[in-house]
Amino acid sequence: MTPSTCRSNRRRSRGTVGKGIRGAAIAGVLLLGGGSTVIGSTPVSSSTPHAAPRARPCALRAHRDTEMSEGFPTGRDPAYAKSTGELRALTLFIDFPDAPARESVRARHAEFFPFVPQWYARASYGRLRYRSFPVLRYFRMPRTFESYGIARGYGWSVHRAMMRDLAAVVGRSVDFRGYDLVNVIATPNAGPPANETVLSVTWTGGTAARTHDGAQLDRVSVIYGHDQAGPRVLAHENGHSLGLPDLYAVDDFHRTDLLAGQWDTMSLDWGLQGDLFAWHKWRLGWLDDAQVGCVTTRGTQDFQLAPVELPGGRKAVVIPYGRYVAYVVEARTAQGNDSAACSEGVLVYRVRTDVDSGDGPIKVIDAHPATSACDFSSSAFNSLNDAPYRTGERFADPAKGIGVAVLGRDAEGGWTIRVTRR
C-alpha cells in the first residue's frame, strides 16, 4: 500500500494527536474498467497534469522519500485522481446493525451536494468538473460499528475489512467501474459526534477490496458524523485523492496555528479562509505557468497579483532558495471560497517539498505575530488570521537575501508587490 495521510489523526477540540498511524490513509478510489451501468460511461485516467521539467525552476520537484510531497511529480502518479477535466465520484451511504440510519439518505446526501462540486468548480476556475453519482439508499454493513474497531486514526486492517464487507453487501446492485474515487458516507449516529472525535478518513494506494465487476477499491473517502466543517470535510478528504497533503500538525494539533492556520482547506477545513493556496492550484493544473511569477535571479522586480479566489491574472510569485524549498507570495480577498475570510492582503508562506504530510510542508509567515483576528471563529486557531501583509508592510529573510514589499492595492482587489533578491 502506498503511504498516505490520515485526516482522522487530528482532533479539532482539545489535546494533541499521535503520529503513529498517519502513514496509511488519504483519499479517494480509482475504479478501473468499462462503462458504468449506473451512468453509462467510459473510465477516466488518473494523472497529475503538471509534471516538473527542468525548464520550470520554480516548480519544485517532489521529494522521493516524503509522504505526499508538496512538489511536482516527474511523471504520472496513478495513486491519485485526475485533477482537471471531469472527475467522477461514486457516492455510497452506509449504516450498521447497532447504528441504523435515523435520517433519510436524501437529507444526508444534501449535506454535501451540490456544495462540494460547486466548491471545486470555484477553486479550480472551472478546470475540474466534479460529478457525483449517488446511490440513494443505505447499505447495511454486516457487522456492528463497534465490532469493526473504528476509532480516531483507525488502521489499514479496519479499512480493508470494511471495504471487503461493503463490496459484498453492494454486490451486483452497483457497477463500480469508471469512477475516479468513491465517497462512503456513514449515518451520522455511528460513533461519537464529530466535535468529540474526528473519524473521517481517506485512503489511497493498494487494494482494499475487489468488487464483483473486477474494480479495485483503491481510493476511498469515508465520512462520519455531522462534521463541524460541514460539507467542506468532504472537499478536504477528496483533496487527498488529488494528491494534497494535510497541512495541520499531526503531532500537536494546536501547533497548526504556527503552520498554515485557516488559510487552506487542507489545514483547517472549518476555517474562515476556505480556499486552497495558489501553490496547490498550480500543482493541480488549475493555474498556467504564465500565472505564476518565478524569481531565481538577483535584482528587483515588481508584480501585480490578482486575487487567488477569482479567475484570471497572475496568482502567485515563487522564490525558490533550495532544491526543495521556496517562498510563495499570493493575494487573498474575501471573495469566492474565501467569502468569509477574516482579513485580506498579501500572504507569504514557505513551501518545503521534503516535509511529510502533517509535519508542516507549508508554513504561513505571520505579518502581525503579536496579534490575532476574528477570535470568534475558534478558541485556539486565530493567530494567523491577520497574517497577510498590507500596503507599506514588508517581509524580509535577511539570511536568504529575499524581501517582499507591498506597494499598494488596486480597485479590482489586486496587489502590487516588489520582490528583491540579493
Protein backbone atom coordinates (compact mmCIF):
# COMPACT_ATOMS: atom_id res chain seq x y z
CA MET A 1 0.00 0.00 0.00
CA THR A 2 1.32 3.45 -0.89
CA PRO A 3 1.77 5.60 2.24
CA SER A 4 -0.79 8.36 2.52
CA THR A 5 -2.18 10.76 5.05
CA CYS A 6 -4.87 10.22 7.59
CA ARG A 7 -7.14 13.09 8.47
CA SER A 8 -8.63 11.08 11.29
CA ASN A 9 -5.38 11.51 13.18
CA ARG A 10 -6.37 15.03 14.07
CA ARG A 11 -8.55 16.19 16.88
CA ARG A 12 -10.22 19.52 16.43
CA SER A 13 -11.16 20.25 20.01
CA ARG A 14 -8.59 19.81 22.80
CA GLY A 15 -5.43 17.83 23.20
CA THR A 16 -2.71 16.53 20.94
CA VAL A 17 -2.67 13.86 18.33
CA GLY A 18 -0.46 10.87 17.78
CA LYS A 19 1.56 10.33 14.65
CA GLY A 20 1.83 6.60 14.68
CA ILE A 21 -0.98 5.68 12.27
CA ARG A 22 -0.66 8.64 9.97
CA GLY A 23 1.16 6.84 7.20
CA ALA A 24 -1.70 4.75 5.90
CA ALA A 25 -4.65 6.85 4.90
CA ILE A 26 -5.60 9.56 2.42
CA ALA A 27 -8.31 9.86 -0.10
CA GLY A 28 -10.32 8.55 -2.93
CA VAL A 29 -10.83 5.49 -5.05
CA LEU A 30 -9.77 4.66 -8.54
CA LEU A 31 -12.11 2.20 -10.12
CA LEU A 32 -10.89 0.75 -13.37
CA GLY A 33 -12.92 -0.91 -16.05
CA GLY A 34 -15.56 -0.27 -18.65
CA GLY A 35 -18.66 1.87 -18.60
CA SER A 36 -20.96 2.05 -15.60
CA THR A 37 -24.49 0.70 -15.81
CA VAL A 38 -25.47 3.43 -13.38
CA ILE A 39 -24.17 6.23 -15.55
CA GLY A 40 -23.02 4.59 -18.76
CA SER A 41 -19.57 5.98 -19.43
CA THR A 42 -16.02 5.12 -20.23
CA PRO A 43 -13.39 5.21 -17.48
CA VAL A 44 -11.18 8.21 -16.90
CA SER A 45 -7.46 8.07 -16.37
CA SER A 46 -5.66 9.14 -13.22
CA SER A 47 -2.84 11.65 -13.51
CA THR A 48 -1.39 14.83 -12.12
CA PRO A 49 -1.37 17.23 -15.07
CA HIS A 50 1.66 19.38 -14.33
CA ALA A 51 4.90 17.44 -14.06
CA ALA A 52 8.14 19.31 -13.38
CA PRO A 53 10.51 19.55 -16.36
CA ARG A 54 13.90 21.16 -15.89
CA ALA A 55 12.71 24.28 -17.70
CA ARG A 56 10.45 25.15 -14.75
CA PRO A 57 12.85 26.04 -11.92
CA CYS A 58 10.10 27.23 -9.59
CA ALA A 59 8.09 24.03 -9.89
CA LEU A 60 9.96 22.30 -7.09
CA ARG A 61 10.36 18.59 -7.58
CA ALA A 62 8.64 16.14 -5.29
CA HIS A 63 10.98 14.55 -2.76
CA ARG A 64 11.10 10.81 -3.35
CA ASP A 65 11.05 9.73 0.31
CA THR A 66 8.48 12.26 1.51
CA GLU A 67 4.91 11.27 2.32
CA MET A 68 2.62 13.17 -0.05
CA SER A 69 5.30 15.65 -1.08
CA GLU A 70 4.23 19.19 -1.95
CA GLY A 71 6.45 19.04 -5.01
CA PHE A 72 5.68 18.45 -8.66
CA PRO A 73 5.99 14.82 -9.79
CA THR A 74 8.34 13.81 -12.55
CA GLY A 75 5.61 11.70 -14.13
CA ARG A 76 2.11 10.42 -13.62
CA ASP A 77 1.24 9.07 -10.22
CA PRO A 78 -1.58 6.53 -10.53
CA ALA A 79 -2.23 6.69 -6.78
CA TYR A 80 -4.09 9.97 -7.23
CA ALA A 81 -7.15 11.02 -9.18
CA LYS A 82 -7.09 13.36 -12.14
CA SER A 83 -7.37 17.00 -11.14
CA THR A 84 -8.56 18.55 -14.39
CA GLY A 85 -11.43 17.71 -16.67
CA GLU A 86 -14.28 15.57 -15.42
CA LEU A 87 -13.86 13.79 -12.10
CA ARG A 88 -16.40 11.06 -11.46
CA ALA A 89 -17.23 10.24 -7.86
CA LEU A 90 -19.38 7.30 -6.82
CA THR A 91 -21.17 8.20 -3.56
CA LEU A 92 -22.48 5.42 -1.33
CA PHE A 93 -24.20 5.53 2.06
CA ILE A 94 -23.84 3.01 4.88
CA ASP A 95 -25.30 2.26 8.29
CA PHE A 96 -24.70 -0.51 10.83
CA PRO A 97 -26.80 -3.04 12.77
CA ASP A 98 -26.08 -1.16 16.01
CA ALA A 99 -26.45 2.26 14.34
CA PRO A 100 -29.31 2.18 11.85
CA ALA A 101 -29.86 5.38 9.91
CA ARG A 102 -32.14 7.85 11.65
CA GLU A 103 -32.44 10.33 8.81
CA SER A 104 -33.24 9.96 5.17
CA VAL A 105 -30.47 9.25 2.73
CA ARG A 106 -31.53 12.27 0.71
CA ALA A 107 -31.02 14.52 3.73
CA ARG A 108 -27.57 13.04 4.28
CA HIS A 109 -26.72 13.50 0.62
CA ALA A 110 -27.84 17.12 0.75
CA GLU A 111 -25.25 17.86 3.43
CA PHE A 112 -22.52 17.57 0.80
CA PHE A 113 -24.10 18.09 -2.60
CA PRO A 114 -24.17 20.26 -4.61
CA PHE A 115 -21.78 22.17 -2.32
CA VAL A 116 -18.66 20.08 -2.99
CA PRO A 117 -18.88 20.18 -6.82
CA GLN A 118 -19.52 23.93 -6.63
CA TRP A 119 -16.59 24.41 -4.27
CA TYR A 120 -14.26 22.59 -6.66
CA ALA A 121 -15.61 24.50 -9.64
CA ARG A 122 -14.75 27.79 -7.94
CA ALA A 123 -11.40 26.62 -6.59
CA SER A 124 -10.29 25.26 -9.98
CA TYR A 125 -11.70 28.16 -12.04
CA GLY A 126 -13.83 25.59 -13.83
CA ARG A 127 -10.95 23.30 -14.75
CA LEU A 128 -12.18 20.45 -12.56
CA ARG A 129 -15.74 19.31 -13.17
CA TYR A 130 -16.68 17.21 -10.18
CA ARG A 131 -19.63 14.91 -10.83
CA SER A 132 -21.10 12.81 -8.07
CA PHE A 133 -23.18 9.77 -8.85
CA PRO A 134 -25.03 8.82 -5.67
CA VAL A 135 -26.81 5.58 -4.90
CA LEU A 136 -29.59 6.95 -2.71
CA ARG A 137 -30.06 4.13 -0.26
CA TYR A 138 -28.29 2.95 2.88
CA PHE A 139 -26.26 -0.22 2.56
CA ARG A 140 -26.34 -2.07 5.89
CA MET A 141 -22.88 -3.27 6.89
CA PRO A 142 -22.87 -6.90 8.06
CA ARG A 143 -21.09 -6.17 11.34
CA THR A 144 -21.72 -3.66 14.10
CA PHE A 145 -19.93 -0.33 14.13
CA GLU A 146 -18.34 -1.28 17.43
CA SER A 147 -17.04 -4.60 16.16
CA TYR A 148 -15.02 -3.00 13.35
CA GLY A 149 -12.89 -1.13 15.87
CA ILE A 150 -13.44 2.23 14.18
CA ALA A 151 -11.69 4.90 16.20
CA ARG A 152 -9.70 8.04 15.51
CA GLY A 153 -6.79 7.08 13.30
CA TYR A 154 -8.02 3.54 12.65
CA GLY A 155 -5.64 1.39 10.66
CA TRP A 156 -5.45 -0.31 7.30
CA SER A 157 -6.77 -3.63 8.58
CA VAL A 158 -10.02 -1.98 9.71
CA HIS A 159 -10.42 -0.15 6.42
CA ARG A 160 -9.70 -3.28 4.40
CA ALA A 161 -12.28 -5.27 6.35
CA MET A 162 -14.87 -2.55 5.88
CA MET A 163 -14.26 -2.28 2.14
CA ARG A 164 -14.45 -6.03 1.65
CA ASP A 165 -17.73 -6.12 3.54
CA LEU A 166 -19.06 -3.14 1.61
CA ALA A 167 -18.18 -4.74 -1.73
CA ALA A 168 -20.00 -7.90 -0.65
CA VAL A 169 -23.08 -6.04 0.58
CA VAL A 170 -23.35 -3.89 -2.54
CA GLY A 171 -22.82 -6.94 -4.71
CA ARG A 172 -24.12 -6.57 -8.25
CA SER A 173 -26.50 -3.72 -7.47
CA VAL A 174 -23.84 -1.16 -8.41
CA ASP A 175 -21.30 -1.20 -11.22
CA PHE A 176 -18.17 0.28 -9.65
CA ARG A 177 -16.22 0.71 -12.86
CA GLY A 178 -15.36 4.01 -14.48
CA TYR A 179 -15.07 6.23 -11.39
CA ASP A 180 -12.12 8.29 -10.17
CA LEU A 181 -12.94 8.00 -6.48
CA VAL A 182 -15.57 6.69 -4.10
CA ASN A 183 -17.21 8.53 -1.22
CA VAL A 184 -18.60 6.35 1.56
CA ILE A 185 -20.85 8.43 3.82
CA ALA A 186 -21.87 6.79 7.07
CA THR A 187 -25.01 7.51 9.00
CA PRO A 188 -24.04 10.29 11.43
CA ASN A 189 -25.24 8.42 14.51
CA ALA A 190 -22.50 5.81 14.02
CA GLY A 191 -19.79 6.58 16.54
CA PRO A 192 -19.24 9.67 18.68
CA PRO A 193 -20.15 13.18 17.48
CA ALA A 194 -17.58 14.69 15.13
CA ASN A 195 -16.91 17.56 17.54
CA GLU A 196 -15.62 14.99 20.04
CA THR A 197 -13.65 12.64 17.80
CA VAL A 198 -12.88 13.06 14.12
CA LEU A 199 -13.23 9.73 12.34
CA SER A 200 -13.44 10.79 8.70
CA VAL A 201 -10.52 9.46 6.73
CA THR A 202 -9.25 8.85 3.21
CA TRP A 203 -7.10 6.07 1.81
CA THR A 204 -5.20 5.67 -1.43
CA GLY A 205 -2.88 3.10 -2.93
CA GLY A 206 -3.02 -0.66 -2.58
CA THR A 207 -6.16 -2.70 -2.93
CA ALA A 208 -8.67 -2.67 -0.10
CA ALA A 209 -11.15 -4.87 -1.91
CA ARG A 210 -12.19 -6.07 -5.33
CA THR A 211 -15.79 -5.67 -6.39
CA HIS A 212 -17.91 -8.19 -8.30
CA ASP A 213 -17.05 -6.49 -11.59
CA GLY A 214 -13.30 -6.54 -11.00
CA ALA A 215 -12.90 -2.92 -9.90
CA GLN A 216 -10.38 -2.23 -7.17
CA LEU A 217 -11.33 -0.04 -4.24
CA ASP A 218 -8.04 1.81 -4.11
CA ARG A 219 -9.08 5.39 -3.27
CA VAL A 220 -11.88 5.85 -0.77
CA SER A 221 -13.03 8.73 1.44
CA VAL A 222 -15.14 7.71 4.42
CA ILE A 223 -17.16 10.42 6.18
CA TYR A 224 -18.61 10.06 9.67
CA GLY A 225 -20.77 12.30 11.85
CA HIS A 226 -22.12 15.79 11.32
CA ASP A 227 -18.72 17.41 10.94
CA GLN A 228 -18.18 20.94 12.23
CA ALA A 229 -16.68 21.74 8.85
CA GLY A 230 -19.98 20.93 7.20
CA PRO A 231 -19.60 19.83 3.57
CA ARG A 232 -16.01 21.07 3.45
CA VAL A 233 -14.94 17.94 5.27
CA LEU A 234 -15.56 16.09 2.02
CA ALA A 235 -13.73 18.75 -0.01
CA HIS A 236 -10.77 18.20 2.32
CA GLU A 237 -10.88 14.42 2.06
CA ASN A 238 -11.24 14.47 -1.72
CA GLY A 239 -8.30 16.88 -1.82
CA HIS A 240 -6.17 13.98 -0.60
CA SER A 241 -7.31 11.89 -3.54
CA LEU A 242 -5.93 14.64 -5.79
CA GLY A 243 -2.56 14.38 -4.04
CA LEU A 244 -2.75 17.21 -1.49
CA PRO A 245 -1.24 16.60 1.96
CA ASP A 246 -2.53 17.54 5.39
CA LEU A 247 -1.26 20.94 6.48
CA TYR A 248 -2.26 20.66 10.12
CA ALA A 249 0.22 19.28 12.67
CA VAL A 250 -0.46 15.65 13.45
CA ASP A 251 1.92 15.54 16.44
CA ASP A 252 0.38 18.52 18.20
CA PHE A 253 -2.75 19.81 16.54
CA HIS A 254 -2.53 23.19 18.26
CA ARG A 255 0.79 23.76 16.50
CA THR A 256 -1.34 24.10 13.37
CA ASP A 257 -1.72 27.76 14.25
CA LEU A 258 2.04 28.10 13.73
CA LEU A 259 1.84 26.39 10.33
CA ALA A 260 -0.98 27.11 7.88
CA GLY A 261 -3.77 28.14 10.25
CA GLN A 262 -7.08 28.66 8.50
CA TRP A 263 -5.65 29.62 5.10
CA ASP A 264 -6.21 26.35 3.23
CA THR A 265 -8.94 23.75 3.48
CA MET A 266 -6.23 21.08 3.71
CA SER A 267 -5.29 22.67 7.04
CA LEU A 268 -8.43 23.65 8.95
CA ASP A 269 -11.39 22.78 6.78
CA TRP A 270 -13.75 24.69 9.05
CA GLY A 271 -11.59 27.83 8.82
CA LEU A 272 -12.77 31.23 7.66
CA GLN A 273 -10.44 31.17 4.66
CA GLY A 274 -11.81 28.15 2.83
CA ASP A 275 -9.96 28.11 -0.49
CA LEU A 276 -6.65 26.48 -1.44
CA PHE A 277 -3.22 28.05 -1.65
CA ALA A 278 -2.11 29.15 -5.10
CA TRP A 279 0.72 26.60 -4.82
CA HIS A 280 -1.85 23.83 -4.59
CA LYS A 281 -3.80 25.21 -7.52
CA TRP A 282 -0.64 25.34 -9.63
CA ARG A 283 0.27 21.75 -8.72
CA LEU A 284 -3.23 20.59 -9.65
CA GLY A 285 -3.11 22.23 -13.08
CA TRP A 286 -5.63 24.91 -12.26
CA LEU A 287 -3.08 27.66 -12.91
CA ASP A 288 -0.95 28.04 -16.01
CA ASP A 289 2.77 28.69 -15.68
CA ALA A 290 2.19 32.19 -17.05
CA GLN A 291 0.07 32.93 -13.96
CA VAL A 292 2.98 32.20 -11.63
CA GLY A 293 5.95 34.55 -11.42
CA CYS A 294 9.31 32.89 -10.86
CA VAL A 295 12.21 34.80 -9.28
CA THR A 296 15.52 32.94 -9.48
CA THR A 297 18.00 35.75 -10.19
CA ARG A 298 19.29 38.70 -8.22
CA GLY A 299 17.64 42.06 -8.58
CA THR A 300 14.30 43.77 -8.00
CA GLN A 301 11.04 43.03 -9.81
CA ASP A 302 7.52 44.38 -9.44
CA PHE A 303 4.49 42.13 -9.83
CA GLN A 304 0.75 42.63 -9.92
CA LEU A 305 -1.10 39.88 -8.05
CA ALA A 306 -4.73 39.09 -8.80
CA PRO A 307 -6.87 37.58 -6.03
CA VAL A 308 -6.48 33.82 -5.74
CA GLU A 309 -10.24 33.43 -5.35
CA LEU A 310 -11.15 34.73 -8.83
CA PRO A 311 -10.20 33.57 -12.34
CA GLY A 312 -7.52 35.30 -14.38
CA GLY A 313 -4.35 37.22 -13.74
CA ARG A 314 -1.10 36.37 -12.01
CA LYS A 315 -1.87 34.37 -8.89
CA ALA A 316 1.49 33.86 -7.24
CA VAL A 317 5.18 34.66 -7.21
CA VAL A 318 7.56 31.84 -6.27
CA ILE A 319 11.05 32.48 -4.91
CA PRO A 320 12.99 29.21 -4.60
CA TYR A 321 16.08 29.12 -2.41
CA GLY A 322 16.89 25.45 -2.38
CA ARG A 323 16.14 22.27 -4.25
CA TYR A 324 13.08 21.58 -2.10
CA VAL A 325 12.11 24.91 -0.56
CA ALA A 326 10.63 28.21 -1.75
CA TYR A 327 8.69 31.23 -0.61
CA VAL A 328 5.34 31.81 -2.30
CA VAL A 329 3.52 35.14 -2.38
CA GLU A 330 -0.17 35.47 -3.24
CA ALA A 331 -3.13 37.84 -2.74
CA ARG A 332 -6.16 36.79 -0.71
CA THR A 333 -9.51 38.57 -0.56
CA ALA A 334 -12.95 37.92 0.91
CA GLN A 335 -14.49 36.50 -2.27
CA GLY A 336 -15.45 33.14 -3.74
CA ASN A 337 -14.44 30.24 -1.50
CA ASP A 338 -12.91 32.82 0.84
CA SER A 339 -16.10 34.85 1.17
CA ALA A 340 -15.95 34.56 4.98
CA ALA A 341 -12.26 35.50 5.14
CA CYS A 342 -11.14 37.27 8.26
CA SER A 343 -8.63 39.57 6.56
CA GLU A 344 -7.27 40.47 3.15
CA GLY A 345 -3.83 41.20 1.85
CA VAL A 346 -0.62 39.63 0.58
CA LEU A 347 0.09 36.22 2.05
CA VAL A 348 3.65 34.91 2.22
CA TYR A 349 4.35 31.28 3.01
CA ARG A 350 7.19 28.80 2.81
CA VAL A 351 6.78 25.54 0.90
CA ARG A 352 9.01 22.55 1.58
CA THR A 353 8.66 19.52 -0.64
CA ASP A 354 10.86 17.39 1.65
CA VAL A 355 8.47 17.55 4.63
CA ASP A 356 5.86 14.87 5.20
CA SER A 357 2.14 15.44 5.20
CA GLY A 358 1.11 16.53 8.69
CA ASP A 359 4.59 17.77 9.63
CA GLY A 360 4.25 21.28 8.21
CA PRO A 361 5.10 21.24 4.49
CA ILE A 362 3.62 24.76 4.26
CA LYS A 363 4.21 27.46 6.85
CA VAL A 364 2.46 30.83 6.64
CA ILE A 365 4.58 33.84 7.63
CA ASP A 366 2.69 35.94 10.16
CA ALA A 367 2.94 39.64 9.29
CA HIS A 368 1.44 40.52 12.68
CA PRO A 369 2.74 37.96 15.17
CA ALA A 370 1.73 39.98 18.24
CA THR A 371 -1.97 39.93 17.36
CA SER A 372 -4.74 37.60 16.25
CA ALA A 373 -8.03 38.30 14.50
CA CYS A 374 -11.62 37.08 14.38
CA ASP A 375 -11.31 35.21 17.65
CA PHE A 376 -14.98 34.23 17.38
CA SER A 377 -14.02 31.64 14.75
CA SER A 378 -12.22 29.34 17.16
CA SER A 379 -10.81 29.44 20.65
CA ALA A 380 -7.35 28.30 19.64
CA PHE A 381 -6.64 28.83 15.95
CA ASN A 382 -6.73 32.55 15.21
CA SER A 383 -3.17 33.86 15.45
CA LEU A 384 -2.65 33.56 11.69
CA ASN A 385 -5.97 35.12 10.73
CA ASP A 386 -4.25 38.50 10.38
CA ALA A 387 -1.15 37.03 8.72
CA PRO A 388 -1.40 38.90 5.36
CA TYR A 389 0.84 41.88 4.69
CA ARG A 390 -0.81 45.18 3.87
CA THR A 391 0.25 48.29 1.97
CA GLY A 392 3.54 49.64 3.30
CA GLU A 393 4.49 46.40 5.05
CA ARG A 394 7.45 44.24 4.13
CA PHE A 395 8.57 40.66 4.57
CA ALA A 396 12.30 40.02 4.77
CA ASP A 397 14.53 36.98 5.16
CA PRO A 398 17.99 38.56 5.51
CA ALA A 399 19.74 35.20 5.67
CA LYS A 400 18.43 34.31 2.22
CA GLY A 401 18.62 37.86 0.84
CA ILE A 402 14.89 37.80 -0.01
CA GLY A 403 12.44 40.64 0.55
CA VAL A 404 8.82 41.30 -0.45
CA ALA A 405 7.34 44.80 -0.13
CA VAL A 406 3.63 45.52 -0.57
CA LEU A 407 3.34 48.70 -2.63
CA GLY A 408 -0.43 49.10 -2.89
CA ARG A 409 -3.82 47.78 -3.87
CA ASP A 410 -5.86 48.49 -6.99
CA ALA A 411 -9.60 48.94 -7.44
CA GLU A 412 -10.04 45.34 -8.62
CA GLY A 413 -8.67 43.91 -5.37
CA GLY A 414 -5.23 43.08 -6.72
CA TRP A 415 -1.96 44.00 -5.04
CA THR A 416 1.34 45.35 -6.34
CA ILE A 417 4.43 43.84 -4.73
CA ARG A 418 8.15 44.37 -5.12
CA VAL A 419 10.39 41.32 -4.82
CA THR A 420 14.06 41.79 -4.06
CA ARG A 421 16.69 39.08 -4.24
CA ARG A 422 20.29 39.72 -3.37
